[in-house]
N, C-alpha and C. Protein backbone atom coordinates (compact mmCIF):
# COMPACT_ATOMS: atom_id res chain seq x y z
N UNK A 1 55.26 175.16 76.83
CA UNK A 1 54.88 174.60 75.54
C UNK A 1 53.44 174.97 75.23
N UNK A 2 53.23 175.85 74.41
CA UNK A 2 51.88 176.16 73.98
C UNK A 2 51.85 176.04 72.47
N UNK A 3 50.71 176.34 71.88
CA UNK A 3 50.61 176.25 70.42
C UNK A 3 51.74 177.06 69.80
N UNK A 4 52.43 176.45 68.88
CA UNK A 4 53.57 177.09 68.27
C UNK A 4 53.79 176.50 66.89
N UNK A 5 54.66 177.14 66.12
CA UNK A 5 54.93 176.66 64.77
C UNK A 5 55.73 175.37 64.78
N UNK A 6 56.65 175.24 65.72
CA UNK A 6 57.49 174.06 65.79
C UNK A 6 57.22 173.32 67.08
N UNK A 7 57.23 171.99 67.04
CA UNK A 7 57.01 171.23 68.27
C UNK A 7 58.17 171.41 69.25
N UNK A 8 57.86 171.32 70.53
CA UNK A 8 58.90 171.34 71.55
C UNK A 8 59.72 170.06 71.43
N UNK A 9 61.02 170.16 71.60
CA UNK A 9 61.90 168.99 71.56
C UNK A 9 62.19 168.57 72.99
N UNK A 10 61.91 167.31 73.29
CA UNK A 10 62.07 166.80 74.64
C UNK A 10 62.96 165.57 74.60
N UNK A 11 64.00 165.59 75.41
CA UNK A 11 64.88 164.43 75.54
C UNK A 11 64.40 163.62 76.73
N UNK A 12 64.11 162.34 76.49
CA UNK A 12 63.60 161.47 77.55
C UNK A 12 64.53 160.28 77.69
N UNK A 13 65.26 160.23 78.79
CA UNK A 13 66.21 159.15 79.04
C UNK A 13 65.56 158.12 79.95
N UNK A 14 65.51 156.89 79.47
CA UNK A 14 64.92 155.78 80.22
C UNK A 14 66.09 154.92 80.74
N UNK A 15 66.36 154.95 82.07
CA UNK A 15 67.56 154.30 82.60
C UNK A 15 67.46 152.79 82.83
N UNK A 16 66.24 152.25 82.91
CA UNK A 16 66.11 150.82 83.19
C UNK A 16 64.71 150.32 82.84
N UNK A 17 64.53 149.02 83.00
CA UNK A 17 63.26 148.38 82.63
C UNK A 17 62.09 148.89 83.46
N UNK A 18 62.32 149.11 84.75
CA UNK A 18 61.23 149.61 85.60
C UNK A 18 60.77 151.00 85.14
N UNK A 19 61.71 151.87 84.83
CA UNK A 19 61.35 153.22 84.36
C UNK A 19 60.59 153.14 83.04
N UNK A 20 60.99 152.22 82.17
CA UNK A 20 60.29 152.04 80.89
C UNK A 20 58.86 151.56 81.13
N UNK A 21 58.69 150.59 82.01
CA UNK A 21 57.35 150.09 82.34
C UNK A 21 56.48 151.21 82.91
N UNK A 22 57.08 152.02 83.79
CA UNK A 22 56.33 153.08 84.46
C UNK A 22 55.86 154.17 83.49
N UNK A 23 56.61 154.41 82.41
CA UNK A 23 56.31 155.53 81.50
C UNK A 23 55.57 155.12 80.23
N UNK A 24 55.64 153.86 79.84
CA UNK A 24 55.06 153.42 78.57
C UNK A 24 53.54 153.35 78.65
N UNK A 25 52.87 153.75 77.55
CA UNK A 25 51.41 153.74 77.50
C UNK A 25 50.95 152.84 76.35
N UNK A 26 50.84 151.53 76.59
CA UNK A 26 50.48 150.59 75.54
C UNK A 26 48.99 150.63 75.16
N UNK A 27 48.18 151.27 75.98
CA UNK A 27 46.74 151.28 75.75
C UNK A 27 46.29 152.34 74.75
N UNK A 28 47.18 153.23 74.33
CA UNK A 28 46.83 154.20 73.30
C UNK A 28 46.97 153.56 71.92
N UNK A 29 46.19 154.01 70.98
CA UNK A 29 46.17 153.42 69.63
C UNK A 29 47.57 153.29 69.03
N UNK A 30 48.36 154.37 69.07
CA UNK A 30 49.71 154.34 68.51
C UNK A 30 50.75 154.30 69.62
N UNK A 31 50.32 153.97 70.83
CA UNK A 31 51.17 153.90 72.01
C UNK A 31 51.65 155.29 72.40
N UNK A 32 52.41 155.38 73.47
CA UNK A 32 52.90 156.67 73.94
C UNK A 32 53.78 156.54 75.16
N UNK A 33 54.23 157.70 75.64
CA UNK A 33 55.12 157.76 76.81
C UNK A 33 54.66 158.88 77.74
N UNK A 34 54.91 158.65 79.03
CA UNK A 34 54.69 159.68 80.03
C UNK A 34 56.01 160.42 80.23
N UNK A 35 55.96 161.73 80.26
CA UNK A 35 57.14 162.56 80.48
C UNK A 35 56.95 163.27 81.81
N UNK A 36 57.75 162.89 82.80
CA UNK A 36 57.67 163.54 84.11
C UNK A 36 58.23 164.95 84.00
N UNK A 37 57.52 165.92 84.57
CA UNK A 37 57.96 167.31 84.49
C UNK A 37 57.22 168.16 85.51
N UNK A 38 57.91 168.62 86.52
CA UNK A 38 57.28 169.47 87.54
C UNK A 38 56.98 170.87 87.02
N UNK A 39 57.75 171.33 86.08
CA UNK A 39 57.59 172.70 85.61
C UNK A 39 56.99 172.76 84.20
N UNK A 40 56.24 171.75 83.85
CA UNK A 40 55.71 171.65 82.49
C UNK A 40 54.74 172.77 82.14
N UNK A 41 54.89 173.27 80.94
CA UNK A 41 53.95 174.23 80.38
C UNK A 41 53.08 173.53 79.35
N UNK A 42 53.12 172.21 79.32
CA UNK A 42 52.41 171.43 78.31
C UNK A 42 50.91 171.64 78.41
N UNK A 43 50.28 171.65 77.25
CA UNK A 43 48.83 171.75 77.16
C UNK A 43 48.34 170.66 76.21
N UNK A 44 47.11 170.22 76.43
CA UNK A 44 46.50 169.21 75.56
C UNK A 44 46.62 169.66 74.11
N UNK A 45 46.95 168.74 73.24
CA UNK A 45 47.12 168.93 71.80
C UNK A 45 48.41 169.63 71.38
N UNK A 46 49.28 170.00 72.33
CA UNK A 46 50.59 170.52 71.95
C UNK A 46 51.34 169.43 71.20
N UNK A 47 52.04 169.80 70.15
CA UNK A 47 52.88 168.85 69.43
C UNK A 47 54.26 168.86 70.06
N UNK A 48 54.84 167.65 70.19
CA UNK A 48 56.17 167.51 70.76
C UNK A 48 56.99 166.56 69.89
N UNK A 49 58.28 166.65 70.03
CA UNK A 49 59.21 165.76 69.35
C UNK A 49 60.07 165.13 70.43
N UNK A 50 59.92 163.82 70.63
CA UNK A 50 60.67 163.11 71.66
C UNK A 50 61.96 162.53 71.09
N UNK A 51 63.03 162.73 71.85
CA UNK A 51 64.27 162.00 71.60
C UNK A 51 64.33 161.00 72.73
N UNK A 52 63.99 159.76 72.41
CA UNK A 52 63.84 158.71 73.41
C UNK A 52 65.12 157.88 73.48
N UNK A 53 65.77 157.91 74.64
CA UNK A 53 67.02 157.21 74.86
C UNK A 53 66.76 156.07 75.85
N UNK A 54 66.68 154.85 75.33
CA UNK A 54 66.41 153.67 76.16
C UNK A 54 67.75 153.00 76.46
N UNK A 55 68.04 152.82 77.73
CA UNK A 55 69.35 152.37 78.20
C UNK A 55 69.96 151.20 77.43
N UNK A 56 69.16 150.25 76.98
CA UNK A 56 69.68 149.03 76.37
C UNK A 56 69.68 149.05 74.85
N UNK A 57 69.30 150.17 74.27
CA UNK A 57 69.26 150.29 72.81
C UNK A 57 70.42 151.16 72.33
N UNK A 58 71.11 150.73 71.28
CA UNK A 58 72.28 151.48 70.81
C UNK A 58 71.94 152.83 70.17
N UNK A 59 70.74 152.95 69.64
CA UNK A 59 70.36 154.22 69.00
C UNK A 59 69.19 154.87 69.74
N UNK A 60 69.12 156.18 69.62
CA UNK A 60 68.00 156.92 70.19
C UNK A 60 66.86 156.90 69.18
N UNK A 61 65.64 156.96 69.69
CA UNK A 61 64.46 157.01 68.83
C UNK A 61 63.96 158.45 68.76
N UNK A 62 63.69 158.92 67.57
CA UNK A 62 63.13 160.25 67.36
C UNK A 62 61.69 160.06 66.91
N UNK A 63 60.77 160.59 67.70
CA UNK A 63 59.36 160.35 67.39
C UNK A 63 58.52 161.57 67.75
N UNK A 64 57.61 161.91 66.86
CA UNK A 64 56.72 163.03 67.13
C UNK A 64 55.46 162.52 67.83
N UNK A 65 54.78 163.43 68.49
CA UNK A 65 53.56 163.06 69.19
C UNK A 65 52.79 164.29 69.63
N UNK A 66 51.68 164.02 70.30
CA UNK A 66 50.82 165.09 70.82
C UNK A 66 50.55 164.83 72.29
N UNK A 67 50.47 165.91 73.04
CA UNK A 67 50.13 165.81 74.46
C UNK A 67 48.66 165.43 74.56
N UNK A 68 48.36 164.34 75.28
CA UNK A 68 46.98 163.88 75.42
C UNK A 68 46.44 164.05 76.83
N UNK A 69 47.30 164.29 77.80
CA UNK A 69 46.83 164.66 79.12
C UNK A 69 47.98 165.28 79.90
N UNK A 70 47.62 166.04 80.91
CA UNK A 70 48.59 166.70 81.76
C UNK A 70 48.23 166.39 83.21
N UNK A 71 49.22 165.95 83.98
CA UNK A 71 49.05 165.75 85.41
C UNK A 71 49.77 166.90 86.10
N UNK A 72 49.02 167.78 86.77
CA UNK A 72 49.64 168.93 87.42
C UNK A 72 50.41 168.54 88.67
N UNK A 73 51.27 169.43 89.11
CA UNK A 73 51.97 169.23 90.37
C UNK A 73 50.93 169.16 91.49
N UNK A 74 51.17 168.36 92.50
CA UNK A 74 50.26 168.17 93.63
C UNK A 74 48.92 167.55 93.21
N UNK A 75 48.96 166.67 92.23
CA UNK A 75 47.73 166.01 91.77
C UNK A 75 47.21 165.05 92.83
N UNK A 76 45.93 164.71 92.70
CA UNK A 76 45.32 163.75 93.61
C UNK A 76 46.04 162.42 93.54
N UNK A 77 45.93 161.65 94.57
CA UNK A 77 46.52 160.32 94.65
C UNK A 77 48.03 160.33 94.53
N UNK A 78 48.67 161.48 94.68
CA UNK A 78 50.12 161.57 94.65
C UNK A 78 50.76 161.25 93.31
N UNK A 79 50.00 161.35 92.23
CA UNK A 79 50.54 161.06 90.89
C UNK A 79 51.65 162.06 90.58
N UNK A 80 52.66 161.58 89.89
CA UNK A 80 53.80 162.41 89.50
C UNK A 80 53.38 163.43 88.44
N UNK A 81 53.85 164.64 88.57
CA UNK A 81 53.54 165.70 87.60
C UNK A 81 54.21 165.40 86.26
N UNK A 82 53.52 165.73 85.19
CA UNK A 82 54.06 165.52 83.85
C UNK A 82 52.95 165.47 82.83
N UNK A 83 53.25 164.86 81.68
CA UNK A 83 52.24 164.79 80.63
C UNK A 83 52.42 163.53 79.79
N UNK A 84 51.31 163.09 79.21
CA UNK A 84 51.30 161.91 78.36
C UNK A 84 51.40 162.32 76.90
N UNK A 85 52.30 161.67 76.16
CA UNK A 85 52.48 161.95 74.73
C UNK A 85 52.03 160.74 73.93
N UNK A 86 51.08 160.97 73.03
CA UNK A 86 50.58 159.93 72.12
C UNK A 86 51.42 159.97 70.86
N UNK A 87 52.09 158.87 70.53
CA UNK A 87 52.92 158.82 69.32
C UNK A 87 52.06 159.10 68.10
N UNK A 88 52.63 159.81 67.12
CA UNK A 88 51.79 160.17 65.99
C UNK A 88 52.39 159.95 64.61
N UNK A 89 53.54 159.35 64.52
CA UNK A 89 54.11 159.20 63.18
C UNK A 89 54.40 157.73 62.85
N UNK A 90 54.96 157.54 61.68
CA UNK A 90 55.23 156.19 61.18
C UNK A 90 56.22 155.44 62.07
N UNK A 91 57.02 156.15 62.84
CA UNK A 91 57.99 155.51 63.72
C UNK A 91 57.32 154.82 64.92
N UNK A 92 56.06 155.11 65.18
CA UNK A 92 55.42 154.56 66.38
C UNK A 92 55.46 153.04 66.41
N UNK A 93 55.28 152.38 65.28
CA UNK A 93 55.29 150.91 65.25
C UNK A 93 56.67 150.37 65.61
N UNK A 94 57.72 150.98 65.09
CA UNK A 94 59.08 150.51 65.38
C UNK A 94 59.44 150.75 66.84
N UNK A 95 59.12 151.93 67.35
CA UNK A 95 59.42 152.25 68.74
C UNK A 95 58.62 151.34 69.67
N UNK A 96 57.33 151.18 69.39
CA UNK A 96 56.47 150.35 70.24
C UNK A 96 56.91 148.90 70.24
N UNK A 97 57.26 148.36 69.09
CA UNK A 97 57.69 146.95 69.05
C UNK A 97 58.99 146.76 69.82
N UNK A 98 59.88 147.74 69.76
CA UNK A 98 61.13 147.66 70.53
C UNK A 98 60.83 147.70 72.02
N UNK A 99 60.00 148.63 72.45
CA UNK A 99 59.65 148.75 73.87
C UNK A 99 58.96 147.48 74.35
N UNK A 100 58.02 146.97 73.57
CA UNK A 100 57.28 145.78 73.99
C UNK A 100 58.16 144.54 74.01
N UNK A 101 59.18 144.49 73.14
CA UNK A 101 60.15 143.38 73.18
C UNK A 101 60.94 143.46 74.48
N UNK A 102 61.37 144.66 74.85
CA UNK A 102 62.15 144.84 76.07
C UNK A 102 61.31 144.49 77.31
N UNK A 103 60.09 144.97 77.34
CA UNK A 103 59.22 144.74 78.51
C UNK A 103 58.72 143.31 78.61
N UNK A 104 58.53 142.65 77.48
CA UNK A 104 58.08 141.26 77.48
C UNK A 104 56.84 141.05 78.32
N UNK A 105 56.89 140.06 79.20
CA UNK A 105 55.74 139.72 80.05
C UNK A 105 55.40 140.80 81.06
N UNK A 106 56.30 141.73 81.29
CA UNK A 106 56.03 142.82 82.23
C UNK A 106 54.83 143.65 81.80
N UNK A 107 54.55 143.65 80.49
CA UNK A 107 53.40 144.41 79.99
C UNK A 107 52.09 143.96 80.63
N UNK A 108 52.03 142.71 81.05
CA UNK A 108 50.82 142.16 81.65
C UNK A 108 50.76 142.38 83.16
N UNK A 109 51.76 143.05 83.71
CA UNK A 109 51.83 143.29 85.14
C UNK A 109 50.68 144.17 85.61
N UNK A 110 50.31 144.01 86.83
CA UNK A 110 49.24 144.82 87.43
C UNK A 110 49.80 145.93 88.31
N UNK A 111 51.12 146.13 88.28
CA UNK A 111 51.72 147.18 89.10
C UNK A 111 51.32 148.55 88.56
N UNK A 112 51.22 149.52 89.47
CA UNK A 112 50.90 150.88 89.09
C UNK A 112 51.98 151.47 88.21
N UNK A 113 51.60 152.40 87.37
CA UNK A 113 52.55 153.12 86.53
C UNK A 113 52.38 154.61 86.77
N UNK A 114 53.16 155.40 86.07
CA UNK A 114 53.03 156.86 86.16
C UNK A 114 51.91 157.38 85.27
N UNK A 115 51.34 156.48 84.48
CA UNK A 115 50.32 156.86 83.53
C UNK A 115 48.92 156.70 84.12
N UNK A 116 47.92 156.83 83.29
CA UNK A 116 46.54 156.77 83.77
C UNK A 116 46.20 155.43 84.37
C-alpha cells in the first residue's frame, strides 16, 4: 500500500469482544482500529477503506481512514506487526458509538492492547 489513486480495501473481521478491545483506538480524535498484518506494505498517510465485520453486528461497517502508524515485524516489546488506521469520514461517529456500546466498561480496562 503506497500512495495511490484509490485507497486499499481491507476486510477486518473482529471475532469477539477481546479482539475488539485489543484493536480499537479510542484515544484518537475520530477513533480508529489496529489492523494486524505481517506482510503489510502500509505507510504513514496511506488512505485505506475498511470493511469492518464485528461478530455481534448484523451489518458490516464501511469506513475510510488513514494509516497513522506502522508496527514492523519483530518490533520491540513483542508488539504485533500491523498498522493503525485513524477513521476519517462521517461514519466514524456511528462506528465508534457501536464499538463503545459493545465494549462498555471494558474501555476503562488497563489491560494491554495491540495499539500504542
